[in-house]
N, C-alpha and C. Protein backbone atom coordinates (compact mmCIF):
# COMPACT_ATOMS: atom_id res chain seq x y z
N MET A 1 106.51 81.99 75.59
CA MET A 1 106.52 80.93 76.57
C MET A 1 105.08 80.57 76.97
N GLU A 2 104.92 79.35 77.47
CA GLU A 2 103.59 78.90 77.89
C GLU A 2 103.14 79.65 79.15
N ILE A 3 101.85 80.01 79.18
CA ILE A 3 101.27 80.68 80.34
C ILE A 3 100.69 79.62 81.28
N VAL A 4 101.06 79.69 82.54
CA VAL A 4 100.52 78.78 83.55
C VAL A 4 99.61 79.59 84.47
N ASP A 5 98.32 79.37 84.35
CA ASP A 5 97.32 80.10 85.14
C ASP A 5 96.88 79.19 86.28
N LYS A 6 97.45 79.39 87.46
CA LYS A 6 97.26 78.47 88.58
C LYS A 6 95.82 78.38 89.05
N LYS A 7 95.07 79.48 88.92
CA LYS A 7 93.71 79.52 89.46
C LYS A 7 92.67 79.75 88.37
N ASP A 8 93.06 79.52 87.11
CA ASP A 8 92.14 79.71 85.97
C ASP A 8 91.57 81.13 85.96
N ILE A 9 92.40 82.09 86.35
CA ILE A 9 91.94 83.48 86.50
C ILE A 9 91.54 84.09 85.17
N LEU A 10 92.32 83.82 84.11
CA LEU A 10 92.05 84.44 82.82
C LEU A 10 90.69 84.03 82.26
N ASN A 11 90.21 82.87 82.64
CA ASN A 11 88.88 82.43 82.19
C ASN A 11 87.77 82.89 83.12
N ARG A 12 88.14 83.46 84.27
CA ARG A 12 87.14 83.89 85.25
C ARG A 12 87.14 85.39 85.49
N ILE A 13 87.80 86.15 84.61
CA ILE A 13 87.96 87.58 84.85
C ILE A 13 86.63 88.29 85.00
N LYS A 14 85.64 87.91 84.20
CA LYS A 14 84.34 88.58 84.26
C LYS A 14 83.63 88.34 85.59
N GLU A 15 84.03 87.28 86.32
CA GLU A 15 83.42 87.00 87.61
C GLU A 15 84.08 87.81 88.73
N ILE A 16 85.27 88.36 88.46
CA ILE A 16 86.02 89.08 89.48
C ILE A 16 85.64 90.56 89.39
N GLY A 17 85.01 91.06 90.42
CA GLY A 17 84.50 92.43 90.37
C GLY A 17 85.58 93.49 90.39
N ASP A 18 86.48 93.41 91.34
CA ASP A 18 87.52 94.43 91.51
C ASP A 18 88.86 93.78 91.22
N LEU A 19 89.22 93.76 89.95
CA LEU A 19 90.41 93.05 89.49
C LEU A 19 91.64 93.94 89.60
N THR A 20 92.64 93.50 90.35
CA THR A 20 93.90 94.22 90.46
C THR A 20 95.05 93.27 90.11
N LEU A 21 96.08 93.82 89.48
CA LEU A 21 97.23 93.03 89.05
C LEU A 21 98.51 93.59 89.67
N GLU A 22 99.46 92.71 89.93
CA GLU A 22 100.81 93.14 90.30
C GLU A 22 101.79 92.50 89.33
N LEU A 23 102.41 93.34 88.50
CA LEU A 23 103.31 92.85 87.46
C LEU A 23 104.70 92.60 88.02
N GLY A 24 105.28 91.46 87.66
CA GLY A 24 106.63 91.15 88.10
C GLY A 24 106.75 91.09 89.60
N CYS A 25 105.81 90.42 90.24
CA CYS A 25 105.75 90.43 91.71
C CYS A 25 106.91 89.70 92.36
N GLY A 26 107.57 88.79 91.63
CA GLY A 26 108.70 88.06 92.19
C GLY A 26 108.28 87.15 93.33
N SER A 27 109.15 86.99 94.29
CA SER A 27 108.89 86.05 95.40
C SER A 27 108.11 86.69 96.53
N TYR A 28 107.81 88.01 96.40
CA TYR A 28 107.11 88.71 97.47
C TYR A 28 106.07 89.64 96.86
N LYS A 29 104.79 89.28 97.02
CA LYS A 29 103.70 90.10 96.48
C LYS A 29 103.33 91.16 97.50
N ARG A 30 103.51 92.42 97.15
CA ARG A 30 103.28 93.52 98.08
C ARG A 30 101.81 93.83 98.26
N ASN A 31 101.00 93.55 97.26
CA ASN A 31 99.55 93.76 97.35
C ASN A 31 98.88 92.38 97.40
N LYS A 32 98.52 91.97 98.60
CA LYS A 32 98.09 90.59 98.84
C LYS A 32 96.84 90.21 98.04
N ASP A 33 95.97 91.20 97.78
CA ASP A 33 94.73 90.90 97.06
C ASP A 33 94.90 90.96 95.54
N ALA A 34 96.06 91.38 95.08
CA ALA A 34 96.29 91.50 93.64
C ALA A 34 96.64 90.13 93.04
N ILE A 35 96.41 90.01 91.76
CA ILE A 35 96.82 88.82 91.02
C ILE A 35 98.27 89.00 90.60
N GLY A 36 99.14 88.15 91.10
CA GLY A 36 100.56 88.27 90.84
C GLY A 36 100.95 87.62 89.53
N ILE A 37 101.69 88.37 88.71
CA ILE A 37 102.16 87.88 87.41
C ILE A 37 103.67 87.96 87.38
N ASP A 38 104.31 86.84 87.02
CA ASP A 38 105.77 86.83 86.94
C ASP A 38 106.20 85.72 86.00
N VAL A 39 107.37 85.88 85.41
CA VAL A 39 107.89 84.88 84.48
C VAL A 39 108.46 83.68 85.23
N ILE A 40 108.74 83.84 86.53
CA ILE A 40 109.26 82.75 87.36
C ILE A 40 108.16 82.26 88.29
N ASP A 41 108.07 80.97 88.47
CA ASP A 41 106.98 80.36 89.23
C ASP A 41 107.28 80.34 90.73
N TYR A 42 107.26 81.53 91.34
CA TYR A 42 107.36 81.61 92.80
C TYR A 42 106.02 81.20 93.42
N GLU A 43 106.04 80.93 94.71
CA GLU A 43 104.84 80.45 95.39
C GLU A 43 103.69 81.46 95.32
N CYS A 44 104.02 82.76 95.43
CA CYS A 44 102.96 83.77 95.47
C CYS A 44 102.46 84.17 94.08
N VAL A 45 103.08 83.68 93.03
CA VAL A 45 102.69 84.05 91.66
C VAL A 45 101.43 83.29 91.28
N ASP A 46 100.43 84.02 90.77
CA ASP A 46 99.16 83.41 90.37
C ASP A 46 99.15 83.02 88.89
N ILE A 47 99.79 83.83 88.05
CA ILE A 47 99.89 83.53 86.62
C ILE A 47 101.36 83.61 86.23
N VAL A 48 101.88 82.50 85.75
CA VAL A 48 103.27 82.43 85.34
C VAL A 48 103.35 82.63 83.83
N GLY A 49 104.13 83.61 83.42
CA GLY A 49 104.27 83.86 81.99
C GLY A 49 104.86 85.22 81.72
N ASP A 50 105.20 85.45 80.46
CA ASP A 50 105.70 86.76 80.05
C ASP A 50 104.58 87.79 80.20
N ALA A 51 104.89 88.94 80.76
CA ALA A 51 103.86 89.94 81.05
C ALA A 51 103.10 90.36 79.80
N TYR A 52 103.81 90.54 78.69
CA TYR A 52 103.13 90.93 77.45
C TYR A 52 102.09 89.89 77.05
N ASP A 53 102.49 88.61 77.10
CA ASP A 53 101.58 87.53 76.68
C ASP A 53 100.36 87.44 77.59
N VAL A 54 100.59 87.57 78.90
CA VAL A 54 99.48 87.49 79.85
C VAL A 54 98.51 88.65 79.65
N LEU A 55 99.03 89.86 79.54
CA LEU A 55 98.16 91.03 79.42
C LEU A 55 97.33 91.00 78.14
N ARG A 56 97.87 90.43 77.07
CA ARG A 56 97.10 90.34 75.82
C ARG A 56 95.86 89.48 75.98
N LYS A 57 95.83 88.62 76.98
CA LYS A 57 94.67 87.76 77.22
C LYS A 57 93.66 88.39 78.18
N VAL A 58 93.98 89.56 78.71
CA VAL A 58 93.08 90.25 79.63
C VAL A 58 92.14 91.13 78.82
N PRO A 59 90.82 91.04 79.06
CA PRO A 59 89.87 91.86 78.30
C PRO A 59 90.07 93.35 78.52
N SER A 60 89.70 94.14 77.53
CA SER A 60 89.82 95.59 77.62
C SER A 60 88.93 96.14 78.73
N ASN A 61 89.39 97.19 79.39
CA ASN A 61 88.61 97.90 80.41
C ASN A 61 88.09 96.97 81.51
N SER A 62 88.95 96.06 81.98
CA SER A 62 88.50 95.08 82.98
C SER A 62 89.27 95.16 84.30
N VAL A 63 90.31 95.99 84.37
CA VAL A 63 91.20 96.01 85.53
C VAL A 63 91.06 97.33 86.27
N SER A 64 90.91 97.26 87.58
CA SER A 64 90.75 98.46 88.41
C SER A 64 92.08 99.12 88.75
N ALA A 65 93.12 98.30 88.97
CA ALA A 65 94.41 98.85 89.37
C ALA A 65 95.53 97.89 88.98
N VAL A 66 96.67 98.47 88.60
CA VAL A 66 97.87 97.70 88.31
C VAL A 66 99.01 98.28 89.14
N TYR A 67 99.77 97.40 89.81
CA TYR A 67 100.91 97.80 90.61
C TYR A 67 102.16 97.14 90.04
N SER A 68 103.28 97.84 90.15
CA SER A 68 104.54 97.28 89.67
C SER A 68 105.68 97.83 90.50
N TYR A 69 106.50 96.94 91.04
CA TYR A 69 107.63 97.32 91.87
C TYR A 69 108.90 96.71 91.27
N HIS A 70 109.80 97.55 90.81
CA HIS A 70 111.08 97.11 90.26
C HIS A 70 110.89 96.07 89.16
N PHE A 71 110.01 96.40 88.23
CA PHE A 71 109.76 95.56 87.07
C PHE A 71 110.03 96.30 85.76
N PHE A 72 109.61 97.56 85.68
CA PHE A 72 109.72 98.31 84.42
C PHE A 72 111.16 98.48 83.96
N GLU A 73 112.11 98.49 84.89
CA GLU A 73 113.50 98.65 84.47
C GLU A 73 114.04 97.42 83.74
N HIS A 74 113.31 96.29 83.82
CA HIS A 74 113.71 95.06 83.14
C HIS A 74 113.03 94.87 81.79
N VAL A 75 112.08 95.73 81.45
CA VAL A 75 111.21 95.53 80.29
C VAL A 75 111.90 95.94 78.99
N GLU A 76 111.72 95.13 77.95
CA GLU A 76 112.31 95.42 76.65
C GLU A 76 111.62 96.59 75.95
N ASP A 77 110.28 96.59 75.94
CA ASP A 77 109.52 97.58 75.18
C ASP A 77 108.47 98.21 76.09
N ILE A 78 108.82 99.32 76.73
CA ILE A 78 107.91 99.97 77.67
C ILE A 78 106.70 100.55 76.93
N GLY A 79 106.91 101.05 75.72
CA GLY A 79 105.79 101.59 74.94
C GLY A 79 104.71 100.55 74.70
N ALA A 80 105.10 99.34 74.30
CA ALA A 80 104.13 98.26 74.07
C ALA A 80 103.43 97.88 75.37
N LEU A 81 104.18 97.85 76.47
CA LEU A 81 103.57 97.52 77.76
C LEU A 81 102.56 98.57 78.18
N MET A 82 102.90 99.84 78.01
CA MET A 82 101.99 100.92 78.39
C MET A 82 100.72 100.88 77.55
N LYS A 83 100.83 100.52 76.28
CA LYS A 83 99.64 100.42 75.43
C LYS A 83 98.70 99.33 75.94
N GLU A 84 99.27 98.20 76.34
CA GLU A 84 98.44 97.12 76.87
C GLU A 84 97.78 97.54 78.19
N LEU A 85 98.53 98.23 79.03
CA LEU A 85 97.96 98.68 80.30
C LEU A 85 96.86 99.71 80.07
N ALA A 86 97.05 100.62 79.13
CA ALA A 86 96.01 101.60 78.81
C ALA A 86 94.76 100.92 78.27
N ARG A 87 94.95 99.80 77.61
CA ARG A 87 93.79 99.06 77.06
C ARG A 87 93.01 98.34 78.15
N ILE A 88 93.72 97.67 79.08
CA ILE A 88 93.01 96.81 80.03
C ILE A 88 92.49 97.54 81.26
N ILE A 89 93.10 98.69 81.61
CA ILE A 89 92.67 99.41 82.82
C ILE A 89 91.39 100.19 82.53
N LYS A 90 90.45 100.11 83.46
CA LYS A 90 89.18 100.83 83.34
C LYS A 90 89.39 102.33 83.42
N GLU A 91 88.45 103.10 82.89
CA GLU A 91 88.46 104.53 83.13
C GLU A 91 88.38 104.77 84.63
N ASP A 92 89.17 105.68 85.13
CA ASP A 92 89.33 105.97 86.56
C ASP A 92 90.17 104.91 87.27
N GLY A 93 90.64 103.89 86.55
CA GLY A 93 91.53 102.91 87.16
C GLY A 93 92.91 103.49 87.32
N SER A 94 93.73 102.85 88.16
CA SER A 94 95.02 103.42 88.53
C SER A 94 96.18 102.52 88.11
N LEU A 95 97.32 103.18 87.86
CA LEU A 95 98.57 102.49 87.58
C LEU A 95 99.64 103.09 88.48
N MET A 96 100.29 102.24 89.30
CA MET A 96 101.36 102.70 90.18
C MET A 96 102.63 101.93 89.85
N VAL A 97 103.69 102.67 89.56
CA VAL A 97 104.95 102.06 89.14
C VAL A 97 106.07 102.57 90.05
N VAL A 98 106.85 101.64 90.59
CA VAL A 98 108.04 101.99 91.38
C VAL A 98 109.25 101.40 90.68
N THR A 99 110.26 102.24 90.43
CA THR A 99 111.49 101.79 89.79
C THR A 99 112.69 102.38 90.53
N PRO A 100 113.89 101.90 90.26
CA PRO A 100 115.06 102.62 90.77
C PRO A 100 115.16 104.00 90.11
N HIS A 101 115.63 104.99 90.84
CA HIS A 101 115.95 106.28 90.24
C HIS A 101 117.28 106.15 89.50
N PHE A 102 117.46 106.95 88.44
CA PHE A 102 118.68 106.80 87.63
C PHE A 102 119.96 107.09 88.41
N SER A 103 119.87 107.79 89.54
CA SER A 103 121.07 108.09 90.33
C SER A 103 121.43 106.98 91.32
N ASN A 104 120.59 105.97 91.43
CA ASN A 104 120.84 104.87 92.37
C ASN A 104 122.09 104.09 91.95
N PRO A 105 123.15 104.12 92.74
CA PRO A 105 124.39 103.45 92.32
C PRO A 105 124.26 101.94 92.22
N TYR A 106 123.30 101.35 92.96
CA TYR A 106 123.12 99.89 92.89
C TYR A 106 122.47 99.46 91.58
N TYR A 107 121.84 100.40 90.87
CA TYR A 107 121.15 100.07 89.62
C TYR A 107 122.09 99.36 88.65
N TYR A 108 123.33 99.83 88.58
CA TYR A 108 124.25 99.37 87.54
C TYR A 108 124.87 98.02 87.85
N SER A 109 124.65 97.50 89.04
CA SER A 109 125.18 96.18 89.38
C SER A 109 124.35 95.06 88.78
N ASP A 110 123.07 95.34 88.47
CA ASP A 110 122.17 94.31 87.93
C ASP A 110 122.18 94.41 86.41
N LEU A 111 122.78 93.42 85.76
CA LEU A 111 122.93 93.46 84.31
C LEU A 111 121.63 93.18 83.57
N THR A 112 120.55 92.82 84.30
CA THR A 112 119.25 92.63 83.64
C THR A 112 118.49 93.94 83.52
N HIS A 113 119.00 95.02 84.11
CA HIS A 113 118.34 96.33 83.99
C HIS A 113 118.54 96.90 82.59
N LYS A 114 117.47 97.38 82.00
CA LYS A 114 117.51 97.87 80.62
C LYS A 114 117.11 99.34 80.49
N ASN A 115 116.41 99.90 81.49
CA ASN A 115 115.85 101.24 81.36
C ASN A 115 116.15 102.08 82.59
N LEU A 116 116.44 103.36 82.38
CA LEU A 116 116.66 104.31 83.46
C LEU A 116 115.42 105.19 83.62
N PHE A 117 115.16 105.65 84.87
CA PHE A 117 113.95 106.42 85.14
C PHE A 117 114.27 107.66 85.97
N GLY A 118 113.65 108.77 85.57
CA GLY A 118 113.73 110.02 86.30
C GLY A 118 112.35 110.64 86.42
N LEU A 119 112.29 111.86 86.89
CA LEU A 119 111.00 112.52 87.14
C LEU A 119 110.09 112.49 85.93
N TYR A 120 110.64 112.71 84.74
CA TYR A 120 109.81 112.92 83.55
C TYR A 120 109.63 111.69 82.68
N SER A 121 110.05 110.53 83.15
CA SER A 121 110.02 109.34 82.29
C SER A 121 108.62 109.01 81.77
N PHE A 122 107.59 109.18 82.60
CA PHE A 122 106.23 108.86 82.15
C PHE A 122 105.50 110.09 81.63
N SER A 123 106.13 111.26 81.70
CA SER A 123 105.51 112.47 81.16
C SER A 123 105.42 112.41 79.65
N TYR A 124 106.29 111.63 79.01
CA TYR A 124 106.30 111.53 77.55
C TYR A 124 105.18 110.63 77.02
N SER A 125 104.51 109.90 77.90
CA SER A 125 103.42 109.02 77.46
C SER A 125 102.18 109.20 78.32
N SER A 126 101.98 110.42 78.84
CA SER A 126 100.80 110.69 79.66
C SER A 126 100.48 112.18 79.62
N ASN A 127 99.36 112.52 80.18
CA ASN A 127 98.99 113.92 80.36
C ASN A 127 99.55 114.37 81.71
N ASP A 128 100.63 115.12 81.68
CA ASP A 128 101.34 115.48 82.91
C ASP A 128 100.91 116.87 83.38
N SER A 129 100.07 116.89 84.40
CA SER A 129 99.66 118.15 85.01
C SER A 129 100.32 118.33 86.38
N PHE A 130 101.26 117.45 86.70
CA PHE A 130 101.88 117.48 88.02
C PHE A 130 103.20 118.24 88.02
N LEU A 131 104.09 117.93 87.09
CA LEU A 131 105.40 118.56 87.04
C LEU A 131 105.36 119.87 86.25
N SER A 132 106.29 120.76 86.53
CA SER A 132 106.27 122.10 85.95
C SER A 132 106.78 122.13 84.51
N ARG A 133 107.91 121.48 84.26
CA ARG A 133 108.48 121.50 82.91
C ARG A 133 107.66 120.62 81.99
N LYS A 134 107.30 121.12 80.83
CA LYS A 134 106.44 120.39 79.91
C LYS A 134 107.27 119.74 78.82
N VAL A 135 106.96 118.48 78.55
CA VAL A 135 107.66 117.72 77.51
C VAL A 135 106.62 117.17 76.53
N PRO A 136 107.04 116.81 75.32
CA PRO A 136 106.07 116.30 74.34
C PRO A 136 105.52 114.94 74.73
N ASN A 137 104.25 114.72 74.39
CA ASN A 137 103.63 113.41 74.58
C ASN A 137 103.77 112.64 73.27
N TYR A 138 104.58 111.59 73.28
CA TYR A 138 104.92 110.89 72.05
C TYR A 138 103.85 109.92 71.58
N ASP A 139 102.91 109.55 72.44
CA ASP A 139 101.89 108.57 72.03
C ASP A 139 100.57 108.93 72.69
N LYS A 140 99.70 109.58 71.93
CA LYS A 140 98.41 110.03 72.47
C LYS A 140 97.46 108.87 72.76
N SER A 141 97.78 107.68 72.25
CA SER A 141 96.89 106.53 72.48
C SER A 141 97.06 105.97 73.90
N ILE A 142 98.15 106.33 74.58
CA ILE A 142 98.38 105.86 75.95
C ILE A 142 97.77 106.92 76.87
N ASN A 143 96.53 106.69 77.24
CA ASN A 143 95.71 107.75 77.85
C ASN A 143 95.70 107.69 79.38
N PHE A 144 96.82 108.15 79.97
CA PHE A 144 96.91 108.25 81.42
C PHE A 144 97.14 109.70 81.83
N ASP A 145 96.64 110.05 83.01
CA ASP A 145 97.00 111.30 83.66
C ASP A 145 98.06 110.99 84.71
N LEU A 146 99.18 111.68 84.64
CA LEU A 146 100.21 111.54 85.67
C LEU A 146 99.84 112.42 86.84
N CYS A 147 99.52 111.80 87.97
CA CYS A 147 98.99 112.52 89.13
C CYS A 147 100.05 112.86 90.17
N LYS A 148 101.07 112.02 90.28
CA LYS A 148 102.06 112.25 91.33
C LYS A 148 103.35 111.52 91.00
N VAL A 149 104.48 112.16 91.35
CA VAL A 149 105.79 111.52 91.28
C VAL A 149 106.46 111.76 92.62
N GLU A 150 107.02 110.71 93.20
CA GLU A 150 107.62 110.82 94.53
C GLU A 150 109.01 110.18 94.53
N LEU A 151 109.98 110.89 95.08
CA LEU A 151 111.32 110.35 95.26
C LEU A 151 111.39 109.59 96.58
N ILE A 152 112.03 108.43 96.57
CA ILE A 152 112.14 107.59 97.75
C ILE A 152 113.61 107.36 98.04
N PHE A 153 114.04 107.73 99.24
CA PHE A 153 115.45 107.61 99.65
C PHE A 153 115.57 106.47 100.67
N LYS A 154 116.56 105.62 100.45
CA LYS A 154 116.81 104.50 101.36
C LYS A 154 118.31 104.26 101.46
N SER A 155 118.68 103.55 102.50
CA SER A 155 120.04 103.04 102.63
C SER A 155 119.94 101.63 103.20
N PRO A 156 120.65 100.67 102.64
CA PRO A 156 120.51 99.29 103.10
C PRO A 156 121.08 99.08 104.50
N ARG A 157 120.57 98.08 105.20
CA ARG A 157 121.12 97.69 106.49
C ARG A 157 122.59 97.31 106.33
N PRO A 158 123.44 97.55 107.29
CA PRO A 158 123.16 98.08 108.64
C PRO A 158 123.41 99.58 108.77
N PHE A 159 123.25 100.33 107.68
CA PHE A 159 123.60 101.76 107.69
C PHE A 159 122.41 102.58 108.18
N TYR A 160 122.08 102.45 109.48
CA TYR A 160 120.88 103.07 110.03
C TYR A 160 120.97 104.60 110.07
N PHE A 161 122.17 105.13 110.35
CA PHE A 161 122.30 106.59 110.38
C PHE A 161 122.06 107.16 108.99
N ARG A 162 122.64 106.50 107.98
CA ARG A 162 122.42 106.96 106.61
C ARG A 162 120.93 106.86 106.24
N TRP A 163 120.29 105.79 106.70
CA TRP A 163 118.86 105.61 106.40
C TRP A 163 118.06 106.78 106.96
N GLY A 164 118.32 107.16 108.21
CA GLY A 164 117.59 108.26 108.82
C GLY A 164 117.85 109.57 108.11
N LEU A 165 119.11 109.80 107.73
CA LEU A 165 119.46 111.03 107.01
C LEU A 165 118.76 111.09 105.67
N LYS A 166 118.70 109.97 104.98
CA LYS A 166 118.07 109.95 103.66
C LYS A 166 116.56 110.12 103.76
N LYS A 167 115.96 109.65 104.84
CA LYS A 167 114.53 109.87 105.02
C LYS A 167 114.24 111.36 105.23
N LEU A 168 115.19 112.07 105.85
CA LEU A 168 115.05 113.52 105.97
C LEU A 168 115.12 114.17 104.60
N PHE A 169 116.05 113.71 103.74
CA PHE A 169 116.11 114.20 102.37
C PHE A 169 114.79 113.96 101.65
N GLN A 170 114.20 112.79 101.89
CA GLN A 170 112.95 112.44 101.22
C GLN A 170 111.85 113.44 101.56
N ILE A 171 111.75 113.80 102.81
CA ILE A 171 110.74 114.78 103.23
C ILE A 171 110.99 116.13 102.56
N ILE A 172 112.24 116.56 102.55
CA ILE A 172 112.57 117.88 102.01
C ILE A 172 112.34 117.94 100.50
N PHE A 173 112.84 116.95 99.78
CA PHE A 173 112.79 117.02 98.32
C PHE A 173 111.41 116.72 97.75
N ASN A 174 110.52 116.13 98.56
CA ASN A 174 109.15 115.89 98.10
C ASN A 174 108.17 116.96 98.58
N LEU A 175 108.69 118.05 99.12
CA LEU A 175 107.79 119.09 99.63
C LEU A 175 106.90 119.66 98.54
N ASN A 176 107.44 119.86 97.35
CA ASN A 176 106.65 120.41 96.25
C ASN A 176 107.36 120.13 94.93
N ARG A 177 106.73 120.55 93.84
CA ARG A 177 107.30 120.27 92.52
C ARG A 177 108.64 120.97 92.32
N TYR A 178 108.75 122.18 92.85
CA TYR A 178 110.01 122.92 92.69
C TYR A 178 111.16 122.15 93.32
N MET A 179 110.95 121.61 94.52
CA MET A 179 112.02 120.89 95.19
C MET A 179 112.37 119.59 94.46
N LEU A 180 111.37 118.91 93.91
CA LEU A 180 111.63 117.71 93.12
C LEU A 180 112.56 118.03 91.95
N GLU A 181 112.20 119.07 91.22
CA GLU A 181 112.96 119.41 90.03
C GLU A 181 114.33 120.00 90.36
N PHE A 182 114.39 120.77 91.44
CA PHE A 182 115.68 121.32 91.87
C PHE A 182 116.63 120.18 92.25
N TYR A 183 116.10 119.17 92.97
CA TYR A 183 116.93 118.03 93.37
C TYR A 183 117.49 117.32 92.14
N GLU A 184 116.61 116.97 91.19
CA GLU A 184 117.08 116.13 90.09
C GLU A 184 118.04 116.90 89.18
N GLU A 185 117.85 118.19 89.04
CA GLU A 185 118.73 118.98 88.17
C GLU A 185 120.08 119.25 88.82
N ASN A 186 120.10 119.42 90.13
CA ASN A 186 121.30 119.95 90.78
C ASN A 186 121.96 119.05 91.82
N LEU A 187 121.21 118.13 92.43
CA LEU A 187 121.73 117.44 93.61
C LEU A 187 121.75 115.91 93.50
N CYS A 188 121.20 115.36 92.42
CA CYS A 188 120.97 113.91 92.42
C CYS A 188 122.27 113.10 92.47
N TYR A 189 123.37 113.64 91.96
CA TYR A 189 124.62 112.89 92.01
C TYR A 189 125.41 113.16 93.29
N ILE A 190 124.95 114.12 94.07
CA ILE A 190 125.55 114.37 95.38
C ILE A 190 124.84 113.54 96.45
N PHE A 191 123.50 113.51 96.37
CA PHE A 191 122.67 112.72 97.28
C PHE A 191 121.83 111.76 96.43
N PRO A 192 122.38 110.60 96.05
CA PRO A 192 121.65 109.69 95.16
C PRO A 192 120.31 109.24 95.75
N CYS A 193 119.33 109.13 94.88
CA CYS A 193 117.99 108.67 95.25
C CYS A 193 117.89 107.17 94.99
N TYR A 194 117.13 106.46 95.84
CA TYR A 194 117.03 105.01 95.70
C TYR A 194 115.94 104.62 94.69
N GLU A 195 114.73 105.15 94.89
CA GLU A 195 113.59 104.77 94.05
C GLU A 195 112.80 106.00 93.64
N ILE A 196 111.94 105.78 92.65
CA ILE A 196 111.00 106.81 92.24
C ILE A 196 109.64 106.14 92.01
N LYS A 197 108.59 106.79 92.50
CA LYS A 197 107.24 106.22 92.40
C LYS A 197 106.36 107.13 91.56
N TYR A 198 105.65 106.52 90.61
CA TYR A 198 104.74 107.25 89.73
C TYR A 198 103.32 106.76 89.98
N GLU A 199 102.36 107.69 90.06
CA GLU A 199 100.95 107.34 90.19
C GLU A 199 100.20 107.94 89.01
N MET A 200 99.50 107.08 88.28
CA MET A 200 98.75 107.50 87.10
C MET A 200 97.31 107.03 87.18
N ILE A 201 96.44 107.77 86.54
CA ILE A 201 95.01 107.44 86.47
C ILE A 201 94.59 107.40 85.01
N LYS A 202 93.79 106.42 84.65
CA LYS A 202 93.27 106.35 83.27
C LYS A 202 92.48 107.62 82.99
N LYS A 203 92.69 108.23 81.86
CA LYS A 203 92.08 109.51 81.55
C LYS A 203 90.58 109.50 81.71
N GLY A 204 90.07 110.68 82.09
CA GLY A 204 88.63 110.83 82.33
C GLY A 204 88.33 111.00 83.80
N SER A 205 89.36 110.74 84.67
CA SER A 205 89.17 110.88 86.11
C SER A 205 89.85 112.13 86.59
N LYS A 206 89.47 112.57 87.78
CA LYS A 206 90.13 113.68 88.43
C LYS A 206 91.30 113.12 89.25
N PRO A 207 92.46 113.81 89.25
CA PRO A 207 93.57 113.33 90.06
C PRO A 207 93.20 113.20 91.52
N HIS A 208 93.69 112.15 92.15
CA HIS A 208 93.43 111.95 93.57
C HIS A 208 94.15 113.02 94.37
N SER A 209 93.58 113.43 95.45
CA SER A 209 94.25 114.38 96.33
C SER A 209 95.21 113.64 97.24
N HIS A 210 96.35 114.24 97.55
CA HIS A 210 97.37 113.61 98.39
C HIS A 210 97.78 114.55 99.50
């Protein structure tokens, strides 16, 4: 599809010192200073186009941070997307991805969802020093360090009591790696999780402290 660059950003990337992107920002851009990319021309979108096509036009090692909220579950080829992100993000640059957790019952209502995500989803394409169980890295060219994985519990309005209870679950299950893994192995279908957040750093940096 044709790329519509509303502010001629792709031709001015070298002039932008601290370049940040938000992929699939939709109608609400959560990072106001980021460049919003989406296939639909919402008001807050800065570059309209397919994410793969747009990212291919971004120079290597030019982006400080990439954010994504409820976008990766819609992607056809996550491996190809991760390769492009590894190419364009600077060393020490960050990648933050938020997706539905695989136990989220609302996930299955959206027929555009293509991918499920759990604790170890990005461990297969990164250097995972955060989680205890070790899995194979299938693509060494995708050079990210996985620094943190966080479970996020929510309940939609007007279920305020459930919301408060689930926030208590969030505190308990994110206490440490053991609790994260114990939850997903034993409790996720009893107390479904709403979202999961991954924080990654381009290799060569030290993990951020949290």
